[in-house]
Protein backbone atom coordinates (compact mmCIF):
# COMPACT_ATOMS: atom_id res chain seq x y z
CA MET A 1 -69.32 -1.81 -13.34
CA ARG A 2 -69.67 0.95 -10.75
CA ALA A 3 -70.14 4.46 -12.12
CA ILE A 4 -71.28 7.94 -11.20
CA GLU A 5 -74.26 9.27 -13.15
CA ILE A 6 -76.06 12.65 -13.35
CA SER A 7 -79.54 11.79 -12.04
CA ALA A 8 -80.98 15.13 -13.27
CA PRO A 9 -79.50 18.56 -14.06
CA GLY A 10 -78.65 20.35 -10.83
CA GLY A 11 -76.23 20.78 -7.95
CA PRO A 12 -73.50 18.42 -6.82
CA GLU A 13 -76.09 16.22 -5.08
CA VAL A 14 -77.38 14.95 -8.46
CA LEU A 15 -74.17 12.97 -8.87
CA VAL A 16 -75.07 9.49 -7.62
CA PRO A 17 -73.36 6.06 -7.70
CA CYS A 18 -74.93 3.53 -10.05
CA GLU A 19 -74.21 0.32 -11.91
CA ARG A 20 -73.83 0.27 -15.71
CA PRO A 21 -72.81 -2.34 -18.27
CA THR A 22 -69.10 -2.40 -18.97
CA PRO A 23 -68.59 -0.68 -22.32
CA GLU A 24 -67.31 -2.63 -25.31
CA PRO A 25 -64.42 -1.06 -27.30
CA LYS A 26 -65.27 -0.40 -30.92
CA ALA A 27 -62.79 -0.33 -33.83
CA GLY A 28 -60.18 2.24 -32.99
CA GLU A 29 -60.88 2.21 -29.29
CA LEU A 30 -59.20 0.69 -26.23
CA LEU A 31 -60.91 -0.38 -22.95
CA ILE A 32 -59.33 1.02 -19.80
CA ALA A 33 -59.76 -0.42 -16.29
CA VAL A 34 -59.95 2.96 -14.53
CA GLN A 35 -58.07 3.52 -11.25
CA ALA A 36 -58.55 7.32 -11.17
CA SER A 37 -60.68 9.97 -12.89
CA GLY A 38 -59.89 13.68 -13.17
CA VAL A 39 -62.49 16.31 -12.29
CA ASN A 40 -62.87 19.32 -14.55
CA ARG A 41 -64.99 22.46 -14.98
CA PRO A 42 -66.77 21.00 -18.03
CA ASP A 43 -67.96 18.17 -15.79
CA VAL A 44 -69.68 20.78 -13.65
CA LEU A 45 -71.29 22.41 -16.68
CA GLN A 46 -72.49 19.01 -17.92
CA ARG A 47 -73.96 18.22 -14.46
CA LYS A 48 -75.90 21.49 -14.66
CA GLY A 49 -77.27 20.65 -18.09
CA LEU A 50 -75.17 23.37 -19.79
CA TYR A 51 -72.65 21.20 -21.71
CA PRO A 52 -74.33 18.29 -23.58
CA MET A 53 -72.19 15.41 -24.64
CA PRO A 54 -71.43 15.00 -28.38
CA PRO A 55 -73.57 12.45 -30.28
CA GLY A 56 -72.70 8.84 -29.47
CA VAL A 57 -70.79 9.69 -26.28
CA SER A 58 -71.56 8.22 -22.89
CA ASP A 59 -73.90 10.33 -20.67
CA LEU A 60 -71.59 9.66 -17.76
CA PRO A 61 -69.40 12.66 -16.92
CA GLY A 62 -65.57 12.56 -16.96
CA LEU A 63 -63.08 13.67 -19.58
CA GLU A 64 -59.81 12.06 -18.34
CA VAL A 65 -58.86 8.72 -16.78
CA ALA A 66 -55.87 6.68 -15.78
CA GLY A 67 -55.55 2.94 -15.27
CA THR A 68 -54.57 -0.10 -17.27
CA VAL A 69 -55.42 -1.29 -20.78
CA ALA A 70 -58.08 -3.96 -20.47
CA GLY A 71 -59.17 -4.60 -24.05
CA GLY A 72 -58.95 -3.58 -27.68
CA ALA A 73 -58.15 -5.06 -31.09
CA ALA A 74 -54.59 -6.10 -31.74
CA ALA A 75 -54.27 -3.50 -34.53
CA ASP A 76 -55.43 -0.68 -32.26
CA LEU A 77 -53.09 -1.75 -29.46
CA SER A 78 -50.20 -1.88 -31.92
CA ALA A 79 -51.05 1.57 -33.38
CA ALA A 80 -50.99 3.04 -29.89
CA GLY A 81 -47.80 1.22 -28.92
CA LEU A 82 -49.62 -0.38 -26.02
CA ALA A 83 -50.41 -3.88 -24.74
CA ILE A 84 -53.02 -5.35 -22.44
CA GLY A 85 -52.11 -4.46 -18.84
CA ASP A 86 -50.07 -1.42 -19.71
CA PRO A 87 -50.56 1.58 -17.42
CA VAL A 88 -52.17 4.42 -19.44
CA CYS A 89 -53.98 7.75 -19.12
CA ALA A 90 -56.42 9.02 -21.72
CA LEU A 91 -58.45 11.95 -22.83
CA VAL A 92 -62.09 10.99 -23.45
CA ALA A 93 -65.23 12.78 -24.59
CA GLY A 94 -67.23 11.37 -21.68
CA GLY A 95 -67.72 8.29 -19.53
CA GLY A 96 -64.69 8.87 -17.30
CA TYR A 97 -66.52 8.58 -13.96
CA ALA A 98 -66.65 4.77 -14.15
CA GLU A 99 -64.59 1.66 -13.37
CA PHE A 100 -64.17 1.00 -17.09
CA CYS A 101 -64.05 3.52 -19.93
CA VAL A 102 -63.40 3.29 -23.65
CA ALA A 103 -61.07 5.74 -25.29
CA PRO A 104 -59.84 6.31 -28.81
CA ALA A 105 -56.51 4.56 -29.14
CA GLY A 106 -54.89 7.75 -30.45
CA GLN A 107 -55.83 9.61 -27.28
CA CYS A 108 -54.30 6.99 -24.93
CA LEU A 109 -50.81 7.85 -23.63
CA PRO A 110 -48.53 5.66 -21.56
CA MET A 111 -48.61 6.65 -17.91
CA PRO A 112 -45.42 8.70 -17.39
CA LYS A 113 -42.78 6.73 -15.56
CA GLY A 114 -42.72 7.52 -11.81
CA LEU A 115 -46.30 8.76 -11.67
CA SER A 116 -49.18 7.11 -9.80
CA ALA A 117 -52.58 6.60 -11.42
CA ILE A 118 -53.94 9.48 -9.31
CA GLU A 119 -51.23 11.79 -10.71
CA ALA A 120 -51.64 10.51 -14.27
CA ALA A 121 -55.42 11.07 -14.18
CA SER A 122 -54.81 14.73 -13.57
CA LEU A 123 -52.92 15.17 -16.85
CA PRO A 124 -54.91 14.62 -20.07
CA GLU A 125 -57.64 17.31 -20.02
CA THR A 126 -55.48 20.17 -18.87
CA PHE A 127 -52.35 19.19 -20.82
CA PHE A 128 -54.21 18.65 -24.11
CA THR A 129 -56.03 21.97 -23.58
CA VAL A 130 -52.96 24.03 -22.68
CA TRP A 131 -50.80 22.47 -25.35
CA GLN A 132 -53.49 23.04 -28.00
CA ASN A 133 -54.12 26.73 -27.13
CA VAL A 134 -50.84 28.07 -25.85
CA PHE A 135 -48.35 26.17 -28.11
CA PHE A 136 -50.21 24.53 -31.09
CA ILE A 137 -52.43 27.55 -31.86
CA ALA A 138 -50.84 30.57 -30.14
CA GLY A 139 -47.28 29.43 -30.80
CA LEU A 140 -45.70 30.54 -27.54
CA LYS A 141 -41.91 30.50 -27.87
CA ALA A 142 -38.92 30.51 -25.52
CA GLY A 143 -38.20 34.01 -24.41
CA GLU A 144 -41.80 35.24 -24.79
CA THR A 145 -44.16 36.15 -21.95
CA LEU A 146 -47.39 34.28 -21.12
CA LEU A 147 -50.24 35.77 -19.01
CA VAL A 148 -52.42 33.11 -17.46
CA GLN A 149 -55.77 34.10 -16.06
CA GLY A 150 -56.69 31.81 -13.12
CA GLY A 151 -53.20 30.61 -12.38
CA SER A 152 -54.21 28.39 -9.48
CA SER A 153 -56.69 26.31 -11.45
CA GLY A 154 -55.87 22.95 -12.99
CA ILE A 155 -55.43 24.67 -16.36
CA GLY A 156 -53.33 27.38 -14.68
CA VAL A 157 -50.86 25.18 -12.86
CA THR A 158 -50.38 23.18 -16.10
CA ALA A 159 -49.79 26.34 -18.12
CA ILE A 160 -47.29 27.68 -15.60
CA GLN A 161 -45.17 24.54 -15.65
CA LEU A 162 -45.31 23.90 -19.35
CA ALA A 163 -44.43 27.48 -20.28
CA LYS A 164 -41.59 27.61 -17.81
CA ALA A 165 -40.17 24.21 -18.86
CA LEU A 166 -40.17 25.43 -22.44
CA GLY A 167 -38.43 28.70 -21.73
CA ALA A 168 -41.16 31.34 -21.42
CA GLU A 169 -41.71 33.95 -18.67
CA VAL A 170 -45.06 33.53 -16.87
CA ILE A 171 -47.37 36.05 -15.24
CA VAL A 172 -50.53 34.78 -13.61
CA THR A 173 -53.65 36.18 -11.95
CA ALA A 174 -55.28 34.65 -8.92
CA GLY A 175 -57.97 35.65 -6.46
CA SER A 176 -55.96 35.80 -3.18
CA ASP A 177 -52.49 36.42 -1.91
CA GLU A 178 -52.32 32.83 -0.82
CA LYS A 179 -53.14 31.62 -4.32
CA CYS A 180 -50.63 34.03 -5.79
CA ALA A 181 -47.98 32.60 -3.46
CA ALA A 182 -48.90 29.06 -4.52
CA CYS A 183 -48.51 30.02 -8.18
CA ILE A 184 -45.06 31.46 -7.49
CA SER A 185 -44.08 28.27 -5.69
CA ILE A 186 -45.14 26.20 -8.74
CA GLY A 187 -42.92 28.32 -11.01
CA ALA A 188 -44.73 31.48 -12.07
CA ASP A 189 -42.43 34.54 -12.30
CA HIS A 190 -45.05 37.04 -11.23
CA ALA A 191 -48.52 36.75 -9.69
CA VAL A 192 -51.25 39.42 -9.62
CA ASN A 193 -54.12 39.37 -7.11
CA TYR A 194 -56.91 40.44 -9.43
CA ARG A 195 -59.10 41.49 -6.46
CA THR A 196 -56.59 44.16 -5.32
CA GLN A 197 -54.47 44.89 -8.41
CA ASP A 198 -55.03 45.87 -12.05
CA PHE A 199 -53.61 43.02 -14.14
CA VAL A 200 -53.21 45.36 -17.17
CA ALA A 201 -51.02 47.74 -15.25
CA GLU A 202 -49.07 44.93 -13.55
CA THR A 203 -48.48 43.06 -16.87
CA GLN A 204 -47.16 46.22 -18.45
CA ARG A 205 -44.97 46.86 -15.40
CA TYR A 206 -43.56 43.35 -15.34
CA THR A 207 -42.81 43.50 -19.10
CA GLY A 208 -41.29 46.99 -19.10
CA GLY A 209 -44.25 48.33 -21.07
CA ARG A 210 -43.98 45.79 -23.83
CA GLY A 211 -46.94 43.63 -22.85
CA ALA A 212 -47.56 39.87 -22.90
CA ASP A 213 -47.04 37.86 -26.07
CA VAL A 214 -49.77 35.31 -25.28
CA VAL A 215 -52.78 35.47 -22.93
CA LEU A 216 -54.58 32.28 -21.88
CA ASP A 217 -58.04 33.37 -20.87
CA MET A 218 -60.87 31.35 -19.32
CA VAL A 219 -62.89 34.33 -18.21
CA ALA A 220 -63.87 36.27 -21.41
CA GLY A 221 -66.60 38.88 -20.75
CA ASP A 222 -65.07 42.28 -19.86
CA TYR A 223 -61.63 40.72 -19.47
CA LEU A 224 -61.20 40.63 -23.25
CA ALA A 225 -61.00 44.37 -23.68
CA ARG A 226 -58.45 44.61 -20.86
CA GLU A 227 -56.37 41.80 -22.31
CA VAL A 228 -56.21 43.57 -25.62
CA GLN A 229 -54.68 46.43 -23.70
CA CYS A 230 -52.04 44.35 -21.99
CA LEU A 231 -50.89 42.38 -25.10
CA ALA A 232 -47.68 43.15 -26.91
CA GLU A 233 -47.60 43.89 -30.66
CA GLU A 234 -48.44 40.74 -32.60
CA GLY A 235 -49.71 39.22 -29.34
CA ARG A 236 -52.10 36.26 -29.32
CA LEU A 237 -55.17 35.95 -27.10
CA ALA A 238 -56.49 32.39 -26.63
CA VAL A 239 -59.97 32.14 -25.09
CA ILE A 240 -60.90 28.73 -23.71
CA ALA A 241 -63.92 29.43 -21.47
CA VAL A 242 -66.43 32.14 -20.62
CA GLN A 243 -66.71 32.09 -16.87
CA GLY A 244 -67.15 35.86 -16.91
CA GLY A 245 -69.83 35.83 -19.61
CA THR A 246 -69.98 35.90 -23.36
CA ALA A 247 -70.64 39.63 -24.08
CA CYS A 248 -67.86 42.18 -24.38
CA THR A 249 -66.88 45.45 -25.99
CA LEU A 250 -63.31 45.92 -27.04
CA ASP A 251 -61.19 48.46 -28.90
CA ALA A 252 -61.00 47.05 -32.46
CA GLY A 253 -58.66 49.85 -33.43
CA LEU A 254 -56.14 48.72 -30.82
CA LEU A 255 -56.59 45.15 -32.10
CA LEU A 256 -55.63 46.35 -35.54
CA ARG A 257 -52.77 48.62 -34.55
CA LYS A 258 -51.12 45.90 -32.46
CA ARG A 259 -51.80 43.27 -35.15
CA LEU A 260 -53.30 40.94 -32.54
CA THR A 261 -54.71 37.43 -33.04
CA LEU A 262 -57.79 36.38 -31.08
CA THR A 263 -58.71 32.67 -31.04
CA GLY A 264 -61.39 30.61 -29.32
CA SER A 265 -61.55 26.85 -29.03
CA THR A 266 -63.36 23.91 -27.48
CA LEU A 267 -61.57 20.57 -27.39
CA ARG A 268 -64.34 18.06 -26.68
CA PRO A 269 -66.01 18.13 -30.11
CA ARG A 270 -62.78 18.02 -32.12
CA SER A 271 -62.02 14.94 -34.18
CA VAL A 272 -60.06 11.99 -32.94
CA ALA A 273 -57.53 12.67 -35.63
CA TYR A 274 -56.95 16.17 -34.32
CA LYS A 275 -56.61 15.00 -30.76
CA THR A 276 -54.27 12.23 -31.86
CA VAL A 277 -51.90 14.80 -33.26
CA LEU A 278 -51.94 16.67 -29.93
CA ALA A 279 -51.32 13.36 -28.09
CA GLN A 280 -48.32 12.63 -30.30
CA GLN A 281 -46.85 16.06 -29.63
CA LEU A 282 -47.40 15.69 -25.90
CA ARG A 283 -45.73 12.28 -25.91
CA ALA A 284 -42.71 13.60 -27.86
CA THR A 285 -42.21 16.94 -26.13
CA VAL A 286 -43.95 17.00 -22.73
CA TRP A 287 -43.91 13.44 -21.38
CA PRO A 288 -40.08 13.45 -21.14
CA LEU A 289 -40.23 16.65 -19.11
CA ILE A 290 -42.66 14.93 -16.70
CA GLU A 291 -40.50 11.84 -16.41
CA GLU A 292 -37.51 14.05 -15.73
CA GLY A 293 -39.37 15.72 -12.92
CA ARG A 294 -39.34 19.15 -14.54
CA ILE A 295 -43.14 19.12 -14.65
CA LYS A 296 -45.05 17.67 -11.72
CA PRO A 297 -48.78 17.10 -11.30
CA VAL A 298 -50.36 19.42 -8.74
CA ILE A 299 -53.06 17.49 -6.86
CA HIS A 300 -55.21 19.47 -4.44
CA GLN A 301 -57.41 16.64 -3.12
CA VAL A 302 -58.40 13.08 -3.92
CA PHE A 303 -61.90 11.79 -3.20
CA PRO A 304 -63.28 8.25 -3.35
CA ALA A 305 -65.36 8.07 -6.55
CA ALA A 306 -68.58 7.62 -4.51
CA GLN A 307 -67.92 11.14 -3.12
CA ALA A 308 -68.02 12.81 -6.54
CA ALA A 309 -70.62 15.26 -5.20
CA ALA A 310 -68.16 16.56 -2.63
CA ALA A 311 -65.48 16.86 -5.29
CA HIS A 312 -67.81 18.96 -7.45
CA ALA A 313 -68.71 21.12 -4.44
CA LEU A 314 -65.00 21.80 -3.90
CA MET A 315 -64.54 22.57 -7.59
CA GLU A 316 -67.36 25.12 -7.48
CA SER A 317 -65.95 26.72 -4.29
CA SER A 318 -62.81 27.70 -6.24
CA THR A 319 -60.73 27.29 -3.06
CA HIS A 320 -58.52 24.61 -4.60
CA VAL A 321 -55.05 24.98 -6.12
CA GLY A 322 -54.41 22.43 -8.86
CA LYS A 323 -56.39 19.32 -9.68
CA ILE A 324 -59.19 17.36 -8.00
CA VAL A 325 -59.21 13.59 -8.68
CA LEU A 326 -61.61 10.67 -8.02
CA SER A 327 -60.13 7.34 -6.98
CA TRP A 328 -61.69 3.99 -7.79
């Protein structure tokens, strides 16, 4: 099969086309004939040598795919409610930049009706991540306010649409007026240009001084202290990445007085059983919203798989709004 491998840790140019043996599905896995692969920030970290794959996982990058079921034991197909030839998308721990990929059966979801493989490939990584952190862990409810840092990212546009579809108010930050406008067009109630505005002051203003109930943060660093300031009482702060660094100083007294909850998570090393629960919840609650058109994939650009290096260069430029996808 054709695939894209990391020839050595480095810049986008180290992503090179190659040929690899087609993987064989083990017990509990399905083989997917891949039509499209999503591109995500963790792929960039892996390419740089900063995010090693878990033991036993393919060294090929790629955490989400869409295509058709090409193999798997009858019992595993039955457990997933799938058959050979069915259109699917899947969350994987690696190996997604290839024409064939194995995925745990519990992490395979039917491709939502009405979506192309390109659109479906943009779903798993961000939808599993947002669902896990904003709803499964932080427990965002209808009528509450969510603050999303980086609203124009793949995670951001997913969080905006999911939260709005489930009845929350959404405030986002973005790095330009154009990106702020894009977030509003996707459904955000308010957008803050973090280069020209103070997101703490703006969050307090938009909430009438109450603060946000949940913050989804992929920056960390000195953002954490400011997020504590803009949270409401009994607010929840979910940290999913550390693009702004790992060190911070925050007001622990304020954390106590507001009775705040601070959580951190990484999804890739979690068990298949844990991810299967998330998949089941997505299928029951979110997939119908996608099929009804209330949530729509936001695709910024599609690259032929052989141009994965260009896709990574775009990802690192941070000029995109929404998802970047590779097509096979």
